[in-house]
Amino acid sequence: MDDKDYLQGRLRDLAGRTLRSDYLTHSAFLDPYGAAIFDHLLRSQGTGGDGKGSLEGVPCFLYGGFEEAERCCAVFLPSYLDREAFLEGEKEDPQVVACLEIRPLQDKFADDLTHRDFLGALMHLGIEREQVGDILTEDSRAFVFVMKDISPFIISELTRVRHTVVSVREIPLSDCSIRPVLEEKTGSVASERLDAVAAMAFKLSRTSAAKLIQGEKAAVDGRLVTDPDQRLIPGQKISLRGYGKCIYQGEVKRTKKDRLMVRVLLYR
């Protein structure tokens, strides 16, 4: 069984549990590829769109702790709860996703900490990657979205990131004051085809990008895409499993050699 089949089976199982027992269930955090599989599964039943719909008759949607989250869990709702009530409840008393603020105890002695440093420190505790959502960093501090049930463990056990002694506290989801960083990148492509833009954005050969797309490793606006020839339009979000995510901004100009200079915004 490949990763796609396993995840689809897992999602169907969660929907079945909610249907039979009428209680809320949810997956661990899905990366953009997993989120695309979730959306594809919903669309195959004629109910999907923008990361929400129903599976096995159970209302469900993607949720990562804040609206722009890249890594999200799939939430399956019981009959007595709708999406708006769930989101309001999470703001007041999170049950699925918690937000942790990690910051140096003494700023003047802190290393210049990055996303990689915070993620590495969490993995060093033995936490699985799927238990950790987005990590937003700024000035050697981080807001980390994690599954609620591991929040107390992280607060208790995480005391150091690289050589920096840190404090960890859970904060209300709405208190996260930063959002994902987008880095502008401009490059030359032959056309606005998905494989050409993905190759430029993620530093790949066009052949390698095409193989990844054909291998169901790419998504555009959360939908699995297997056609390297698909034409992109400005504003579409591209994710390539193992390489990252970007927003296509469109053509900047045409060169003398009749190639296109295009711009993307890379998630960092």
C-alpha atoms as a PDB file:
ATOM      1  CA  MET A   1       0.000   0.000   0.000  1.00  0.00           C
ATOM      2  CA  ASP A   2       1.472   3.384  -0.986  1.00  0.00           C
ATOM      3  CA  ASP A   3       1.265   6.605   1.025  1.00  0.00           C
ATOM      4  CA  LYS A   4      -1.761   7.867  -0.896  1.00  0.00           C
ATOM      5  CA  ASP A   5      -3.790   4.697  -0.340  1.00  0.00           C
ATOM      6  CA  TYR A   6      -2.790   4.561   3.328  1.00  0.00           C
ATOM      7  CA  LEU A   7      -3.820   8.162   3.955  1.00  0.00           C
ATOM      8  CA  GLN A   8      -7.130   7.771   2.136  1.00  0.00           C
ATOM      9  CA  GLY A   9      -7.860   4.674   4.199  1.00  0.00           C
ATOM     10  CA  ARG A  10      -6.964   6.512   7.393  1.00  0.00           C
ATOM     11  CA  LEU A  11      -9.234   9.438   6.510  1.00  0.00           C
ATOM     12  CA  ARG A  12     -12.127   7.133   5.686  1.00  0.00           C
ATOM     13  CA  ASP A  13     -11.593   5.357   9.001  1.00  0.00           C
ATOM     14  CA  LEU A  14     -11.785   8.638  10.931  1.00  0.00           C
ATOM     15  CA  ALA A  15     -14.967   9.622   9.103  1.00  0.00           C
ATOM     16  CA  GLY A  16     -16.435   6.197   9.912  1.00  0.00           C
ATOM     17  CA  ARG A  17     -15.657   6.589  13.614  1.00  0.00           C
ATOM     18  CA  THR A  18     -17.437   9.917  13.742  1.00  0.00           C
ATOM     19  CA  LEU A  19     -20.399   8.526  11.814  1.00  0.00           C
ATOM     20  CA  ARG A  20     -20.780   5.493  14.103  1.00  0.00           C
ATOM     21  CA  SER A  21     -20.063   7.117  17.469  1.00  0.00           C
ATOM     22  CA  ASP A  22     -21.051  10.751  16.815  1.00  0.00           C
ATOM     23  CA  TYR A  23     -17.937  12.318  18.314  1.00  0.00           C
ATOM     24  CA  LEU A  24     -15.273  14.583  16.856  1.00  0.00           C
ATOM     25  CA  THR A  25     -12.227  12.930  15.295  1.00  0.00           C
ATOM     26  CA  HIS A  26      -9.225  14.400  13.520  1.00  0.00           C
ATOM     27  CA  SER A  27      -6.038  13.372  11.791  1.00  0.00           C
ATOM     28  CA  ALA A  28      -2.530  14.472  12.671  1.00  0.00           C
ATOM     29  CA  PHE A  29      -1.082  17.360  10.660  1.00  0.00           C
ATOM     30  CA  LEU A  30      -1.033  16.827   6.898  1.00  0.00           C
ATOM     31  CA  ASP A  31       1.589  18.421   4.681  1.00  0.00           C
ATOM     32  CA  PRO A  32       0.383  20.182   1.484  1.00  0.00           C
ATOM     33  CA  TYR A  33       0.570  16.875  -0.402  1.00  0.00           C
ATOM     34  CA  GLY A  34      -1.581  15.159   2.233  1.00  0.00           C
ATOM     35  CA  ALA A  35      -4.017  18.071   2.173  1.00  0.00           C
ATOM     36  CA  ALA A  36      -4.290  17.687  -1.593  1.00  0.00           C
ATOM     37  CA  ILE A  37      -5.083  13.977  -1.187  1.00  0.00           C
ATOM     38  CA  PHE A  38      -7.780  14.898   1.358  1.00  0.00           C
ATOM     39  CA  ASP A  39      -9.312  17.408  -1.049  1.00  0.00           C
ATOM     40  CA  HIS A  40      -9.069  14.925  -3.937  1.00  0.00           C
ATOM     41  CA  LEU A  41     -10.891  12.335  -1.834  1.00  0.00           C
ATOM     42  CA  LEU A  42     -13.698  14.788  -1.088  1.00  0.00           C
ATOM     43  CA  ARG A  43     -13.977  15.833  -4.725  1.00  0.00           C
ATOM     44  CA  SER A  44     -14.211  12.183  -5.782  1.00  0.00           C
ATOM     45  CA  GLN A  45     -17.433  12.036  -3.763  1.00  0.00           C
ATOM     46  CA  GLY A  46     -18.678  15.263  -5.284  1.00  0.00           C
ATOM     47  CA  THR A  47     -18.474  17.204  -2.027  1.00  0.00           C
ATOM     48  CA  GLY A  48     -15.012  18.828  -1.954  1.00  0.00           C
ATOM     49  CA  GLY A  49     -13.698  22.283  -2.546  1.00  0.00           C
ATOM     50  CA  ASP A  50     -11.242  24.572  -0.772  1.00  0.00           C
ATOM     51  CA  GLY A  51     -10.348  21.965   1.831  1.00  0.00           C
ATOM     52  CA  LYS A  52     -13.851  21.321   3.123  1.00  0.00           C
ATOM     53  CA  GLY A  53     -16.823  19.103   2.292  1.00  0.00           C
ATOM     54  CA  SER A  54     -17.990  15.715   3.573  1.00  0.00           C
ATOM     55  CA  LEU A  55     -16.636  12.182   3.597  1.00  0.00           C
ATOM     56  CA  GLU A  56     -18.871   9.157   4.166  1.00  0.00           C
ATOM     57  CA  GLY A  57     -21.594  11.706   4.900  1.00  0.00           C
ATOM     58  CA  VAL A  58     -19.561  13.365   7.674  1.00  0.00           C
ATOM     59  CA  PRO A  59     -18.804  17.119   7.421  1.00  0.00           C
ATOM     60  CA  CYS A  60     -15.057  17.724   7.448  1.00  0.00           C
ATOM     61  CA  PHE A  61     -12.462  20.365   6.688  1.00  0.00           C
ATOM     62  CA  LEU A  62      -8.792  21.255   7.051  1.00  0.00           C
ATOM     63  CA  TYR A  63      -7.651  23.149  10.135  1.00  0.00           C
ATOM     64  CA  GLY A  64      -4.173  24.244  11.182  1.00  0.00           C
ATOM     65  CA  GLY A  65      -4.755  26.767  13.970  1.00  0.00           C
ATOM     66  CA  PHE A  66      -4.941  29.833  11.737  1.00  0.00           C
ATOM     67  CA  GLU A  67      -6.409  30.622   8.351  1.00  0.00           C
ATOM     68  CA  GLU A  68      -3.181  30.666   6.295  1.00  0.00           C
ATOM     69  CA  ALA A  69      -1.714  27.490   7.808  1.00  0.00           C
ATOM     70  CA  GLU A  70       0.257  25.295   5.423  1.00  0.00           C
ATOM     71  CA  ARG A  71       0.147  22.140   7.552  1.00  0.00           C
ATOM     72  CA  CYS A  72      -3.385  21.230   8.627  1.00  0.00           C
ATOM     73  CA  CYS A  73      -5.255  18.349  10.204  1.00  0.00           C
ATOM     74  CA  ALA A  74      -8.497  16.951   8.809  1.00  0.00           C
ATOM     75  CA  VAL A  75     -11.349  17.489  11.277  1.00  0.00           C
ATOM     76  CA  PHE A  76     -14.525  15.367  11.186  1.00  0.00           C
ATOM     77  CA  LEU A  77     -17.572  16.867  12.883  1.00  0.00           C
ATOM     78  CA  PRO A  78     -20.306  15.074  14.865  1.00  0.00           C
ATOM     79  CA  SER A  79     -23.966  15.896  14.297  1.00  0.00           C
ATOM     80  CA  TYR A  80     -24.160  18.364  17.185  1.00  0.00           C
ATOM     81  CA  LEU A  81     -21.269  20.594  15.993  1.00  0.00           C
ATOM     82  CA  ASP A  82     -20.809  22.762  12.918  1.00  0.00           C
ATOM     83  CA  ARG A  83     -17.614  24.329  11.569  1.00  0.00           C
ATOM     84  CA  GLU A  84     -18.267  27.805  12.983  1.00  0.00           C
ATOM     85  CA  ALA A  85     -18.966  26.458  16.472  1.00  0.00           C
ATOM     86  CA  PHE A  86     -15.839  24.298  16.325  1.00  0.00           C
ATOM     87  CA  LEU A  87     -13.624  27.228  15.326  1.00  0.00           C
ATOM     88  CA  GLU A  88     -15.104  29.441  18.033  1.00  0.00           C
ATOM     89  CA  GLY A  89     -14.525  26.730  20.616  1.00  0.00           C
ATOM     90  CA  GLU A  90     -10.901  26.316  19.521  1.00  0.00           C
ATOM     91  CA  LYS A  91     -10.304  30.030  20.047  1.00  0.00           C
ATOM     92  CA  GLU A  92     -11.631  29.872  23.604  1.00  0.00           C
ATOM     93  CA  ASP A  93     -10.388  26.441  24.686  1.00  0.00           C
ATOM     94  CA  PRO A  94      -8.311  24.546  22.089  1.00  0.00           C
ATOM     95  CA  GLN A  95      -8.909  20.797  21.962  1.00  0.00           C
ATOM     96  CA  VAL A  96      -7.239  19.932  18.661  1.00  0.00           C
ATOM     97  CA  VAL A  97      -4.421  22.418  17.927  1.00  0.00           C
ATOM     98  CA  ALA A  98      -2.415  24.417  20.451  1.00  0.00           C
ATOM     99  CA  CYS A  99      -0.077  27.348  19.835  1.00  0.00           C
ATOM    100  CA  LEU A 100       3.211  27.435  21.750  1.00  0.00           C
ATOM    101  CA  GLU A 101       5.407  30.496  22.055  1.00  0.00           C
ATOM    102  CA  ILE A 102       9.087  29.577  22.333  1.00  0.00           C
ATOM    103  CA  ARG A 103      11.501  32.361  23.146  1.00  0.00           C
ATOM    104  CA  PRO A 104      15.002  32.813  24.626  1.00  0.00           C
ATOM    105  CA  LEU A 105      15.182  33.379  28.355  1.00  0.00           C
ATOM    106  CA  GLN A 106      17.815  36.041  27.709  1.00  0.00           C
ATOM    107  CA  ASP A 107      17.755  37.709  24.308  1.00  0.00           C
ATOM    108  CA  LYS A 108      21.324  39.021  24.497  1.00  0.00           C
ATOM    109  CA  PHE A 109      22.725  35.488  24.808  1.00  0.00           C
ATOM    110  CA  ALA A 110      20.460  33.938  22.149  1.00  0.00           C
ATOM    111  CA  ASP A 111      21.638  32.301  18.932  1.00  0.00           C
ATOM    112  CA  ASP A 112      20.135  33.475  15.661  1.00  0.00           C
ATOM    113  CA  LEU A 113      17.475  30.760  15.650  1.00  0.00           C
ATOM    114  CA  THR A 114      15.695  29.618  12.492  1.00  0.00           C
ATOM    115  CA  HIS A 115      12.749  27.388  11.550  1.00  0.00           C
ATOM    116  CA  ARG A 116      15.193  24.484  11.152  1.00  0.00           C
ATOM    117  CA  ASP A 117      16.546  24.989  14.676  1.00  0.00           C
ATOM    118  CA  PHE A 118      13.125  24.934  16.336  1.00  0.00           C
ATOM    119  CA  LEU A 119      11.967  21.927  14.323  1.00  0.00           C
ATOM    120  CA  GLY A 120      15.200  20.088  15.103  1.00  0.00           C
ATOM    121  CA  ALA A 121      14.818  20.720  18.824  1.00  0.00           C
ATOM    122  CA  LEU A 122      11.291  19.293  18.745  1.00  0.00           C
ATOM    123  CA  MET A 123      12.366  16.239  16.757  1.00  0.00           C
ATOM    124  CA  HIS A 124      15.185  15.695  19.287  1.00  0.00           C
ATOM    125  CA  LEU A 125      12.484  15.191  21.935  1.00  0.00           C
ATOM    126  CA  GLY A 126      11.238  12.201  19.939  1.00  0.00           C
ATOM    127  CA  ILE A 127       8.166  13.980  18.591  1.00  0.00           C
ATOM    128  CA  GLU A 128       6.949  12.809  15.177  1.00  0.00           C
ATOM    129  CA  ARG A 129       6.799  15.405  12.407  1.00  0.00           C
ATOM    130  CA  GLU A 130       3.064  14.888  11.932  1.00  0.00           C
ATOM    131  CA  GLN A 131       2.471  16.155  15.482  1.00  0.00           C
ATOM    132  CA  VAL A 132       3.882  19.576  14.573  1.00  0.00           C
ATOM    133  CA  GLY A 133       2.152  22.048  12.294  1.00  0.00           C
ATOM    134  CA  ASP A 134       3.425  25.406  11.088  1.00  0.00           C
ATOM    135  CA  ILE A 135       6.421  27.023  12.765  1.00  0.00           C
ATOM    136  CA  LEU A 136       6.497  30.803  12.412  1.00  0.00           C
ATOM    137  CA  THR A 137       9.735  32.524  13.437  1.00  0.00           C
ATOM    138  CA  GLU A 138      10.794  36.084  14.143  1.00  0.00           C
ATOM    139  CA  ASP A 139      13.847  37.458  16.010  1.00  0.00           C
ATOM    140  CA  SER A 140      14.897  34.120  17.548  1.00  0.00           C
ATOM    141  CA  ARG A 141      11.413  33.329  18.840  1.00  0.00           C
ATOM    142  CA  ALA A 142       8.813  31.029  17.366  1.00  0.00           C
ATOM    143  CA  PHE A 143       5.122  30.348  17.415  1.00  0.00           C
ATOM    144  CA  VAL A 144       4.681  26.608  16.968  1.00  0.00           C
ATOM    145  CA  PHE A 145       1.348  24.943  16.243  1.00  0.00           C
ATOM    146  CA  VAL A 146       1.168  21.420  17.672  1.00  0.00           C
ATOM    147  CA  MET A 147      -1.432  18.781  18.413  1.00  0.00           C
ATOM    148  CA  LYS A 148      -3.060  19.743  21.694  1.00  0.00           C
ATOM    149  CA  ASP A 149      -2.285  16.479  23.457  1.00  0.00           C
ATOM    150  CA  ILE A 150       1.499  16.900  23.184  1.00  0.00           C
ATOM    151  CA  SER A 151       1.529  20.542  24.322  1.00  0.00           C
ATOM    152  CA  PRO A 152       2.157  19.751  28.039  1.00  0.00           C
ATOM    153  CA  PHE A 153       5.050  17.441  27.137  1.00  0.00           C
ATOM    154  CA  ILE A 154       6.774  20.095  25.033  1.00  0.00           C
ATOM    155  CA  ILE A 155       6.271  22.762  27.697  1.00  0.00           C
ATOM    156  CA  SER A 156       7.824  20.448  30.284  1.00  0.00           C
ATOM    157  CA  GLU A 157      10.710  19.030  28.232  1.00  0.00           C
ATOM    158  CA  LEU A 158      11.872  21.663  25.758  1.00  0.00           C
ATOM    159  CA  THR A 159      14.462  23.788  27.531  1.00  0.00           C
ATOM    160  CA  ARG A 160      17.054  24.485  24.837  1.00  0.00           C
ATOM    161  CA  VAL A 161      17.166  25.248  21.114  1.00  0.00           C
ATOM    162  CA  ARG A 162      20.726  24.847  19.825  1.00  0.00           C
ATOM    163  CA  HIS A 163      22.765  26.551  22.572  1.00  0.00           C
ATOM    164  CA  THR A 164      19.971  28.891  23.636  1.00  0.00           C
ATOM    165  CA  VAL A 165      18.004  28.323  26.830  1.00  0.00           C
ATOM    166  CA  VAL A 166      14.335  28.910  26.074  1.00  0.00           C
ATOM    167  CA  SER A 167      10.969  29.207  27.764  1.00  0.00           C
ATOM    168  CA  VAL A 168       7.832  27.626  26.351  1.00  0.00           C
ATOM    169  CA  ARG A 169       4.242  28.579  27.060  1.00  0.00           C
ATOM    170  CA  GLU A 170       0.895  27.878  25.476  1.00  0.00           C
ATOM    171  CA  ILE A 171      -0.899  30.982  24.276  1.00  0.00           C
ATOM    172  CA  PRO A 172      -4.338  31.642  22.764  1.00  0.00           C
ATOM    173  CA  LEU A 173      -4.372  30.937  19.040  1.00  0.00           C
ATOM    174  CA  SER A 174      -5.284  34.542  18.308  1.00  0.00           C
ATOM    175  CA  ASP A 175      -2.155  35.807  20.116  1.00  0.00           C
ATOM    176  CA  CYS A 176       0.179  34.583  17.377  1.00  0.00           C
ATOM    177  CA  SER A 177       1.336  37.897  15.937  1.00  0.00           C
ATOM    178  CA  ILE A 178       3.276  36.764  12.862  1.00  0.00           C
ATOM    179  CA  ARG A 179       2.380  34.988   9.649  1.00  0.00           C
ATOM    180  CA  PRO A 180       4.314  32.899   7.089  1.00  0.00           C
ATOM    181  CA  VAL A 181       7.260  34.617   5.390  1.00  0.00           C
ATOM    182  CA  LEU A 182       7.119  34.804   1.598  1.00  0.00           C
ATOM    183  CA  GLU A 183      10.308  35.280  -0.437  1.00  0.00           C
ATOM    184  CA  GLU A 184      10.111  36.692  -3.948  1.00  0.00           C
ATOM    185  CA  LYS A 185      11.910  34.822  -6.736  1.00  0.00           C
ATOM    186  CA  THR A 186      12.080  35.703 -10.419  1.00  0.00           C
ATOM    187  CA  GLY A 187      13.314  33.418 -13.189  1.00  0.00           C
ATOM    188  CA  SER A 188      13.175  32.580 -16.866  1.00  0.00           C
ATOM    189  CA  VAL A 189      10.844  29.855 -18.185  1.00  0.00           C
ATOM    190  CA  ALA A 190       9.797  28.661 -21.618  1.00  0.00           C
ATOM    191  CA  SER A 191       6.096  28.865 -20.786  1.00  0.00           C
ATOM    192  CA  GLU A 192       3.620  29.082 -17.920  1.00  0.00           C
ATOM    193  CA  ARG A 193       3.377  25.283 -17.746  1.00  0.00           C
ATOM    194  CA  LEU A 194       3.378  23.760 -14.293  1.00  0.00           C
ATOM    195  CA  ASP A 195       6.579  21.774 -14.821  1.00  0.00           C
ATOM    196  CA  ALA A 196       8.470  24.835 -16.080  1.00  0.00           C
ATOM    197  CA  VAL A 197       7.421  27.097 -13.206  1.00  0.00           C
ATOM    198  CA  ALA A 198       7.949  24.380 -10.577  1.00  0.00           C
ATOM    199  CA  ALA A 199      11.424  23.678 -11.924  1.00  0.00           C
ATOM    200  CA  MET A 200      12.340  27.365 -11.668  1.00  0.00           C
ATOM    201  CA  ALA A 201      10.798  27.844  -8.231  1.00  0.00           C
ATOM    202  CA  PHE A 202      12.289  24.753  -6.577  1.00  0.00           C
ATOM    203  CA  LYS A 203      15.658  24.595  -8.411  1.00  0.00           C
ATOM    204  CA  LEU A 204      14.934  21.433 -10.389  1.00  0.00           C
ATOM    205  CA  SER A 205      15.408  20.349 -13.960  1.00  0.00           C
ATOM    206  CA  ARG A 206      12.213  20.466 -15.999  1.00  0.00           C
ATOM    207  CA  THR A 207      12.449  16.694 -16.497  1.00  0.00           C
ATOM    208  CA  SER A 208      12.673  16.082 -12.739  1.00  0.00           C
ATOM    209  CA  ALA A 209       9.744  18.408 -12.077  1.00  0.00           C
ATOM    210  CA  ALA A 210       7.641  16.636 -14.719  1.00  0.00           C
ATOM    211  CA  LYS A 211       8.378  13.224 -13.197  1.00  0.00           C
ATOM    212  CA  LEU A 212       7.333  14.438  -9.730  1.00  0.00           C
ATOM    213  CA  ILE A 213       4.110  15.866 -11.119  1.00  0.00           C
ATOM    214  CA  GLN A 214       3.305  12.673 -13.015  1.00  0.00           C
ATOM    215  CA  GLY A 215       4.049  10.743  -9.822  1.00  0.00           C
ATOM    216  CA  GLU A 216       1.230  12.578  -7.971  1.00  0.00           C
ATOM    217  CA  LYS A 217       3.605  14.713  -5.919  1.00  0.00           C
ATOM    218  CA  ALA A 218       2.194  18.082  -6.991  1.00  0.00           C
ATOM    219  CA  ALA A 219      -0.873  20.102  -6.113  1.00  0.00           C
ATOM    220  CA  VAL A 220      -2.283  23.355  -7.446  1.00  0.00           C
ATOM    221  CA  ASP A 221      -4.639  25.210  -5.121  1.00  0.00           C
ATOM    222  CA  GLY A 222      -4.888  22.073  -2.983  1.00  0.00           C
ATOM    223  CA  ARG A 223      -5.840  19.772  -5.869  1.00  0.00           C
ATOM    224  CA  LEU A 224      -3.644  16.907  -7.045  1.00  0.00           C
ATOM    225  CA  VAL A 225      -2.307  17.557 -10.537  1.00  0.00           C
ATOM    226  CA  THR A 226      -0.589  14.934 -12.690  1.00  0.00           C
ATOM    227  CA  ASP A 227      -0.356  16.844 -15.975  1.00  0.00           C
ATOM    228  CA  PRO A 228       2.988  18.717 -16.310  1.00  0.00           C
ATOM    229  CA  ASP A 229       1.472  20.710 -19.199  1.00  0.00           C
ATOM    230  CA  GLN A 230      -1.175  22.395 -17.040  1.00  0.00           C
ATOM    231  CA  ARG A 231      -1.122  26.144 -17.566  1.00  0.00           C
ATOM    232  CA  LEU A 232      -0.921  28.305 -14.503  1.00  0.00           C
ATOM    233  CA  ILE A 233      -2.670  31.572 -13.793  1.00  0.00           C
ATOM    234  CA  PRO A 234      -1.475  34.265 -11.350  1.00  0.00           C
ATOM    235  CA  GLY A 235      -2.481  33.670  -7.759  1.00  0.00           C
ATOM    236  CA  GLN A 236      -2.430  29.878  -7.872  1.00  0.00           C
ATOM    237  CA  LYS A 237      -0.611  28.037  -5.085  1.00  0.00           C
ATOM    238  CA  ILE A 238       1.786  25.273  -6.111  1.00  0.00           C
ATOM    239  CA  SER A 239       3.079  22.635  -3.708  1.00  0.00           C
ATOM    240  CA  LEU A 240       5.614  19.958  -4.578  1.00  0.00           C
ATOM    241  CA  ARG A 241       6.103  17.193  -2.050  1.00  0.00           C
ATOM    242  CA  GLY A 242       9.548  17.339  -0.482  1.00  0.00           C
ATOM    243  CA  TYR A 243      10.397  20.692  -2.076  1.00  0.00           C
ATOM    244  CA  GLY A 244       8.003  23.290  -0.737  1.00  0.00           C
ATOM    245  CA  LYS A 245       5.192  25.613  -1.693  1.00  0.00           C
ATOM    246  CA  CYS A 246       4.892  28.837  -3.637  1.00  0.00           C
ATOM    247  CA  ILE A 247       2.370  31.271  -5.090  1.00  0.00           C
ATOM    248  CA  TYR A 248       2.620  31.926  -8.818  1.00  0.00           C
ATOM    249  CA  GLN A 249       2.589  35.675  -9.469  1.00  0.00           C
ATOM    250  CA  GLY A 250       2.616  35.646 -13.257  1.00  0.00           C
ATOM    251  CA  GLU A 251       4.684  37.065 -16.094  1.00  0.00           C
ATOM    252  CA  VAL A 252       7.026  39.985 -15.456  1.00  0.00           C
ATOM    253  CA  LYS A 253       8.245  40.466 -19.029  1.00  0.00           C
ATOM    254  CA  ARG A 254       9.209  38.604 -22.204  1.00  0.00           C
ATOM    255  CA  THR A 255      12.913  38.354 -23.059  1.00  0.00           C
ATOM    256  CA  LYS A 256      14.571  39.003 -26.419  1.00  0.00           C
ATOM    257  CA  LYS A 257      14.859  35.216 -26.852  1.00  0.00           C
ATOM    258  CA  ASP A 258      11.078  34.956 -26.441  1.00  0.00           C
ATOM    259  CA  ARG A 259      11.253  33.388 -22.987  1.00  0.00           C
ATOM    260  CA  LEU A 260       9.131  34.517 -20.064  1.00  0.00           C
ATOM    261  CA  MET A 261      10.412  36.122 -16.904  1.00  0.00           C
ATOM    262  CA  VAL A 262       7.966  35.071 -14.172  1.00  0.00           C
ATOM    263  CA  ARG A 263       7.700  35.713 -10.462  1.00  0.00           C
ATOM    264  CA  VAL A 264       6.781  33.391  -7.582  1.00  0.00           C
ATOM    265  CA  LEU A 265       6.484  33.897  -3.832  1.00  0.00           C
ATOM    266  CA  LEU A 266       8.182  31.057  -1.945  1.00  0.00           C
ATOM    267  CA  TYR A 267       7.022  30.015   1.525  1.00  0.00           C
ATOM    268  CA  ARG A 268       9.968  30.028   3.956  1.00  0.00           C
END
